[in-house]
C-alpha atoms as a PDB file:
ATOM      1  CA  MET A   1      52.380 -56.171  19.375  1.00  0.00           C
ATOM      2  CA  VAL A   2      54.492 -53.025  19.229  1.00  0.00           C
ATOM      3  CA  LYS A   3      57.559 -55.209  18.563  1.00  0.00           C
ATOM      4  CA  LYS A   4      55.762 -56.928  15.656  1.00  0.00           C
ATOM      5  CA  LYS A   5      54.834 -53.574  14.120  1.00  0.00           C
ATOM      6  CA  LEU A   6      58.389 -52.347  14.511  1.00  0.00           C
ATOM      7  CA  ILE A   7      59.663 -55.528  12.879  1.00  0.00           C
ATOM      8  CA  LEU A   8      57.206 -55.134   9.963  1.00  0.00           C
ATOM      9  CA  SER A   9      58.219 -51.493   9.543  1.00  0.00           C
ATOM     10  CA  GLY A  10      61.917 -52.445   9.723  1.00  0.00           C
ATOM     11  CA  ILE A  11      61.530 -55.178   7.101  1.00  0.00           C
ATOM     12  CA  PHE A  12      59.767 -52.781   4.757  1.00  0.00           C
ATOM     13  CA  ALA A  13      62.401 -50.071   5.297  1.00  0.00           C
ATOM     14  CA  LEU A  14      65.197 -52.584   4.560  1.00  0.00           C
ATOM     15  CA  MET A  15      63.433 -53.717   1.394  1.00  0.00           C
ATOM     16  CA  LEU A  16      63.053 -50.112   0.279  1.00  0.00           C
ATOM     17  CA  LEU A  17      66.725 -49.386   0.968  1.00  0.00           C
ATOM     18  CA  ALA A  18      67.802 -52.538  -0.861  1.00  0.00           C
ATOM     19  CA  ALA A  19      65.782 -51.545  -3.928  1.00  0.00           C
ATOM     20  CA  ILE A  20      67.295 -48.070  -3.977  1.00  0.00           C
ATOM     21  CA  GLN A  21      70.860 -49.284  -3.178  1.00  0.00           C
ATOM     22  CA  SER A  22      70.814 -51.871  -5.979  1.00  0.00           C
ATOM     23  CA  VAL A  23      70.903 -49.134  -8.617  1.00  0.00           C
ATOM     24  CA  ALA A  24      74.274 -48.022 -10.008  1.00  0.00           C
ATOM     25  CA  GLU A  25      76.177 -45.864  -7.492  1.00  0.00           C
ATOM     26  CA  GLU A  26      77.347 -43.241 -10.006  1.00  0.00           C
ATOM     27  CA  LYS A  27      73.821 -41.931 -10.633  1.00  0.00           C
ATOM     28  CA  PRO A  28      72.209 -39.097  -8.592  1.00  0.00           C
ATOM     29  CA  PRO A  29      69.635 -40.339  -5.996  1.00  0.00           C
ATOM     30  CA  VAL A  30      66.569 -39.255  -7.993  1.00  0.00           C
ATOM     31  CA  GLU A  31      67.972 -40.952 -11.098  1.00  0.00           C
ATOM     32  CA  LYS A  32      68.539 -44.144  -9.076  1.00  0.00           C
ATOM     33  CA  CYS A  33      64.877 -44.182  -8.072  1.00  0.00           C
ATOM     34  CA  ARG A  34      63.776 -43.580 -11.662  1.00  0.00           C
ATOM     35  CA  GLN A  35      65.595 -46.736 -12.749  1.00  0.00           C
ATOM     36  CA  LYS A  36      63.760 -49.058 -10.302  1.00  0.00           C
ATOM     37  CA  ILE A  37      60.747 -47.285  -8.811  1.00  0.00           C
ATOM     38  CA  HIS A  38      57.795 -45.986 -10.815  1.00  0.00           C
ATOM     39  CA  GLU A  39      55.918 -44.375  -7.919  1.00  0.00           C
ATOM     40  CA  ILE A  40      55.682 -44.012  -4.136  1.00  0.00           C
ATOM     41  CA  ARG A  41      52.230 -43.602  -2.554  1.00  0.00           C
ATOM     42  CA  PHE A  42      51.390 -42.332   0.946  1.00  0.00           C
ATOM     43  CA  GLY A  43      47.937 -42.613   2.464  1.00  0.00           C
ATOM     44  CA  ILE A  44      45.682 -42.171   5.458  1.00  0.00           C
ATOM     45  CA  LEU A  45      43.064 -44.914   5.532  1.00  0.00           C
ATOM     46  CA  SER A  46      40.080 -45.639   7.750  1.00  0.00           C
ATOM     47  CA  HIS A  47      40.649 -49.055   9.353  1.00  0.00           C
ATOM     48  CA  ASP A  48      38.157 -51.970   9.178  1.00  0.00           C
ATOM     49  CA  VAL A  49      35.387 -49.951   7.501  1.00  0.00           C
ATOM     50  CA  ASP A  50      31.826 -51.194   8.067  1.00  0.00           C
ATOM     51  CA  ARG A  51      29.315 -52.118   5.325  1.00  0.00           C
ATOM     52  CA  LEU A  52      31.798 -52.701   2.532  1.00  0.00           C
ATOM     53  CA  TRP A  53      33.038 -56.082   1.242  1.00  0.00           C
ATOM     54  CA  SER A  54      33.723 -57.517   4.715  1.00  0.00           C
ATOM     55  CA  GLY A  55      30.332 -56.469   6.012  1.00  0.00           C
ATOM     56  CA  SER A  56      31.212 -55.797   9.649  1.00  0.00           C
ATOM     57  CA  ARG A  57      33.575 -53.723  11.749  1.00  0.00           C
ATOM     58  CA  LYS A  58      35.338 -54.867  14.897  1.00  0.00           C
ATOM     59  CA  GLU A  59      38.547 -52.804  14.935  1.00  0.00           C
ATOM     60  CA  SER A  60      39.043 -49.047  14.804  1.00  0.00           C
ATOM     61  CA  GLY A  61      41.605 -46.389  14.109  1.00  0.00           C
ATOM     62  CA  VAL A  62      43.513 -44.961  11.202  1.00  0.00           C
ATOM     63  CA  ASP A  63      46.082 -46.756   9.055  1.00  0.00           C
ATOM     64  CA  THR A  64      49.151 -44.959   7.771  1.00  0.00           C
ATOM     65  CA  ASN A  65      49.956 -46.483   4.399  1.00  0.00           C
ATOM     66  CA  LEU A  66      53.095 -46.531   2.241  1.00  0.00           C
ATOM     67  CA  GLU A  67      53.324 -48.324  -1.096  1.00  0.00           C
ATOM     68  CA  ILE A  68      55.958 -48.605  -3.827  1.00  0.00           C
ATOM     69  CA  LEU A  69      55.194 -49.445  -7.461  1.00  0.00           C
ATOM     70  CA  PHE A  70      58.183 -50.827  -9.339  1.00  0.00           C
ATOM     71  CA  LEU A  71      59.126 -50.335 -12.992  1.00  0.00           C
ATOM     72  CA  ARG A  72      59.935 -54.000 -13.642  1.00  0.00           C
ATOM     73  CA  PRO A  73      58.620 -56.474 -14.413  1.00  0.00           C
ATOM     74  CA  THR A  74      55.926 -54.508 -16.242  1.00  0.00           C
ATOM     75  CA  PHE A  75      53.639 -55.723 -18.990  1.00  0.00           C
ATOM     76  CA  SER A  76      50.704 -54.400 -20.996  1.00  0.00           C
ATOM     77  CA  LEU A  77      47.267 -55.872 -20.439  1.00  0.00           C
ATOM     78  CA  GLY A  78      44.412 -54.560 -22.552  1.00  0.00           C
ATOM     79  CA  ALA A  79      44.288 -50.773 -22.250  1.00  0.00           C
ATOM     80  CA  GLY A  80      46.492 -50.739 -19.137  1.00  0.00           C
ATOM     81  CA  VAL A  81      49.834 -51.617 -17.603  1.00  0.00           C
ATOM     82  CA  VAL A  82      50.526 -54.116 -14.801  1.00  0.00           C
ATOM     83  CA  ARG A  83      53.237 -53.253 -12.256  1.00  0.00           C
ATOM     84  CA  PRO A  84      54.438 -55.025  -9.089  1.00  0.00           C
ATOM     85  CA  ASN A  85      53.800 -53.309  -5.762  1.00  0.00           C
ATOM     86  CA  LEU A  86      54.985 -53.603  -2.167  1.00  0.00           C
ATOM     87  CA  GLY A  87      53.511 -51.788   0.806  1.00  0.00           C
ATOM     88  CA  PHE A  88      52.390 -51.726   4.401  1.00  0.00           C
ATOM     89  CA  SER A  89      49.594 -50.267   6.516  1.00  0.00           C
ATOM     90  CA  LEU A  90      50.309 -49.472  10.171  1.00  0.00           C
ATOM     91  CA  ASN A  91      47.338 -49.022  12.521  1.00  0.00           C
ATOM     92  CA  ASP A  92      47.494 -46.170  15.077  1.00  0.00           C
ATOM     93  CA  ARG A  93      45.540 -48.040  17.807  1.00  0.00           C
ATOM     94  CA  ASN A  94      47.585 -51.233  18.024  1.00  0.00           C
ATOM     95  CA  GLN A  95      44.998 -53.087  15.955  1.00  0.00           C
ATOM     96  CA  THR A  96      45.809 -55.196  12.877  1.00  0.00           C
ATOM     97  CA  SER A  97      48.637 -53.939  10.640  1.00  0.00           C
ATOM     98  CA  LYS A  98      49.782 -55.582   7.415  1.00  0.00           C
ATOM     99  CA  LEU A  99      52.638 -55.942   4.932  1.00  0.00           C
ATOM    100  CA  TYR A 100      51.606 -56.735   1.351  1.00  0.00           C
ATOM    101  CA  ALA A 101      52.831 -57.357  -2.200  1.00  0.00           C
ATOM    102  CA  GLY A 102      51.217 -58.102  -5.536  1.00  0.00           C
ATOM    103  CA  GLY A 103      50.425 -56.521  -8.860  1.00  0.00           C
ATOM    104  CA  LEU A 104      48.399 -53.470  -9.918  1.00  0.00           C
ATOM    105  CA  TRP A 105      46.736 -53.037 -13.288  1.00  0.00           C
ATOM    106  CA  GLU A 106      46.412 -49.348 -14.154  1.00  0.00           C
ATOM    107  CA  ILE A 107      44.205 -47.848 -16.823  1.00  0.00           C
ATOM    108  CA  ARG A 108      44.729 -44.120 -17.403  1.00  0.00           C
ATOM    109  CA  SER A 109      42.537 -41.804 -19.474  1.00  0.00           C
ATOM    110  CA  GLN A 110      43.882 -39.073 -21.730  1.00  0.00           C
ATOM    111  CA  PHE A 111      42.501 -36.541 -19.217  1.00  0.00           C
ATOM    112  CA  GLY A 112      44.625 -37.869 -16.329  1.00  0.00           C
ATOM    113  CA  ALA A 113      42.001 -39.924 -14.486  1.00  0.00           C
ATOM    114  CA  PHE A 114      43.100 -43.447 -13.573  1.00  0.00           C
ATOM    115  CA  LEU A 115      41.774 -46.725 -12.214  1.00  0.00           C
ATOM    116  CA  ASN A 116      43.907 -49.358 -10.455  1.00  0.00           C
ATOM    117  CA  LEU A 117      42.750 -52.912  -9.852  1.00  0.00           C
ATOM    118  CA  GLY A 118      45.008 -55.385  -8.145  1.00  0.00           C
ATOM    119  CA  LEU A 119      45.607 -58.763  -6.630  1.00  0.00           C
ATOM    120  CA  GLY A 120      48.194 -59.838  -4.108  1.00  0.00           C
ATOM    121  CA  MET A 121      48.972 -61.316  -0.713  1.00  0.00           C
ATOM    122  CA  ALA A 122      49.219 -59.738   2.735  1.00  0.00           C
ATOM    123  CA  VAL A 123      50.703 -60.905   6.015  1.00  0.00           C
ATOM    124  CA  HIS A 124      49.234 -59.362   9.178  1.00  0.00           C
ATOM    125  CA  ASP A 125      49.860 -59.162  12.933  1.00  0.00           C
ATOM    126  CA  GLY A 126      46.192 -59.492  13.945  1.00  0.00           C
ATOM    127  CA  ALA A 127      44.225 -62.328  15.519  1.00  0.00           C
ATOM    128  CA  LEU A 128      43.629 -65.650  13.789  1.00  0.00           C
ATOM    129  CA  ARG A 129      40.827 -66.788  16.108  1.00  0.00           C
ATOM    130  CA  ILE A 130      38.709 -65.116  18.787  1.00  0.00           C
ATOM    131  CA  ASP A 131      41.288 -64.654  21.529  1.00  0.00           C
ATOM    132  CA  GLY A 132      40.084 -61.868  23.830  1.00  0.00           C
ATOM    133  CA  SER A 133      42.459 -59.308  22.269  1.00  0.00           C
ATOM    134  CA  GLY A 134      39.611 -57.319  20.751  1.00  0.00           C
ATOM    135  CA  LYS A 135      41.091 -57.828  17.284  1.00  0.00           C
ATOM    136  CA  LYS A 136      39.027 -59.181  14.416  1.00  0.00           C
ATOM    137  CA  PRO A 137      39.815 -62.889  13.868  1.00  0.00           C
ATOM    138  CA  LEU A 138      41.014 -63.329  10.269  1.00  0.00           C
ATOM    139  CA  GLY A 139      41.556 -67.119  10.233  1.00  0.00           C
ATOM    140  CA  ALA A 140      44.999 -67.198   8.570  1.00  0.00           C
ATOM    141  CA  ARG A 141      48.262 -65.277   8.859  1.00  0.00           C
ATOM    142  CA  VAL A 142      48.613 -64.895   5.058  1.00  0.00           C
ATOM    143  CA  LEU A 143      45.602 -63.353   3.297  1.00  0.00           C
ATOM    144  CA  PHE A 144      44.570 -62.463  -0.236  1.00  0.00           C
ATOM    145  CA  ARG A 145      44.506 -58.712  -0.940  1.00  0.00           C
ATOM    146  CA  VAL A 146      42.270 -56.979  -3.499  1.00  0.00           C
ATOM    147  CA  PRO A 147      42.880 -53.216  -3.957  1.00  0.00           C
ATOM    148  CA  ILE A 148      40.807 -50.768  -6.005  1.00  0.00           C
ATOM    149  CA  GLU A 149      41.898 -47.160  -6.484  1.00  0.00           C
ATOM    150  CA  VAL A 150      40.520 -44.250  -8.519  1.00  0.00           C
ATOM    151  CA  GLY A 151      42.097 -40.852  -8.886  1.00  0.00           C
ATOM    152  CA  VAL A 152      43.682 -38.180 -11.000  1.00  0.00           C
ATOM    153  CA  VAL A 153      47.236 -37.420 -12.124  1.00  0.00           C
ATOM    154  CA  LEU A 154      48.206 -33.776 -11.496  1.00  0.00           C
ATOM    155  CA  GLY A 155      51.071 -32.590 -13.637  1.00  0.00           C
ATOM    156  CA  ARG A 156      53.951 -34.911 -14.384  1.00  0.00           C
ATOM    157  CA  HIS A 157      54.750 -36.219 -10.907  1.00  0.00           C
ATOM    158  CA  HIS A 158      51.720 -35.990  -8.597  1.00  0.00           C
ATOM    159  CA  ARG A 159      48.507 -37.934  -8.134  1.00  0.00           C
ATOM    160  CA  LEU A 160      45.613 -37.950  -5.681  1.00  0.00           C
ATOM    161  CA  SER A 161      43.302 -40.897  -5.220  1.00  0.00           C
ATOM    162  CA  LEU A 162      40.601 -42.667  -3.247  1.00  0.00           C
ATOM    163  CA  ALA A 163      41.921 -46.100  -2.265  1.00  0.00           C
ATOM    164  CA  PHE A 164      40.105 -49.217  -1.038  1.00  0.00           C
ATOM    165  CA  ASP A 165      41.530 -52.592  -0.137  1.00  0.00           C
ATOM    166  CA  HIS A 166      40.059 -55.848   1.106  1.00  0.00           C
ATOM    167  CA  VAL A 167      41.996 -58.671   2.767  1.00  0.00           C
ATOM    168  CA  SER A 168      40.635 -62.103   3.621  1.00  0.00           C
ATOM    169  CA  ASN A 169      41.498 -65.785   3.435  1.00  0.00           C
ATOM    170  CA  ALA A 170      38.866 -66.435   0.706  1.00  0.00           C
ATOM    171  CA  TYR A 171      37.180 -69.165   2.792  1.00  0.00           C
ATOM    172  CA  LEU A 172      40.365 -71.255   2.894  1.00  0.00           C
ATOM    173  CA  ALA A 173      40.354 -71.011   6.711  1.00  0.00           C
ATOM    174  CA  THR A 174      37.853 -70.399   9.504  1.00  0.00           C
ATOM    175  CA  PRO A 175      36.822 -67.742  10.329  1.00  0.00           C
ATOM    176  CA  ASN A 176      36.858 -65.658   7.160  1.00  0.00           C
ATOM    177  CA  ASN A 177      35.842 -62.243   8.467  1.00  0.00           C
ATOM    178  CA  GLY A 178      37.945 -60.138   6.135  1.00  0.00           C
ATOM    179  CA  MET A 179      38.917 -56.497   6.655  1.00  0.00           C
ATOM    180  CA  ASP A 180      38.452 -53.377   4.516  1.00  0.00           C
ATOM    181  CA  THR A 181      40.292 -50.051   4.493  1.00  0.00           C
ATOM    182  CA  LEU A 182      39.236 -46.882   2.693  1.00  0.00           C
ATOM    183  CA  GLY A 183      40.946 -43.506   2.428  1.00  0.00           C
ATOM    184  CA  PHE A 184      42.974 -40.990   0.463  1.00  0.00           C
ATOM    185  CA  ARG A 185      46.459 -41.325  -0.970  1.00  0.00           C
ATOM    186  CA  TYR A 186      49.045 -39.062  -2.534  1.00  0.00           C
ATOM    187  CA  GLY A 187      51.441 -40.495  -5.102  1.00  0.00           C
ATOM    188  CA  TYR A 188      54.746 -39.206  -6.423  1.00  0.00           C
ATOM    189  CA  ILE A 189      55.649 -40.528  -9.890  1.00  0.00           C
ATOM    190  CA  PHE A 190      59.394 -40.574 -10.664  1.00  0.00           C
END
């Protein structure tokens, strides 16, 4: 399991480096990020929270979360903007960790408050069936991911938020236990 988490972390780090490296070399590093990356978010999330969308808790611990929102492709939708995202959550107790990607629709008020709603896919290193590992059986390796986040933008570059996400196989496999995380995140906007 530790090897799988290291592999997931390594893949994400390589993807991050590739995104940053693909920008023109003559620009300063911050300018390179501004051309490709809209925001980087860091979070501490409670793992497999009880009594939310999933309904039950089997796993425990804290997830460390990192997510990147990209500038392109971006499009307007109603009063908001949709951006692609890529991220991972790494559990501190060797429970289920995940790597995910999708899109986030952000609506921001004139006072700096914002709401993000999203849809995407996640791949995880947890159990598929009841296997004696103590991990929650999720039924499929690839899951749907639905994030919801509310918060406030502070100044030009900083934001604080309350973030929730739900992953499950949407009854396309058995079992369909699902898993929820809930916690706080800090974002840096380039």
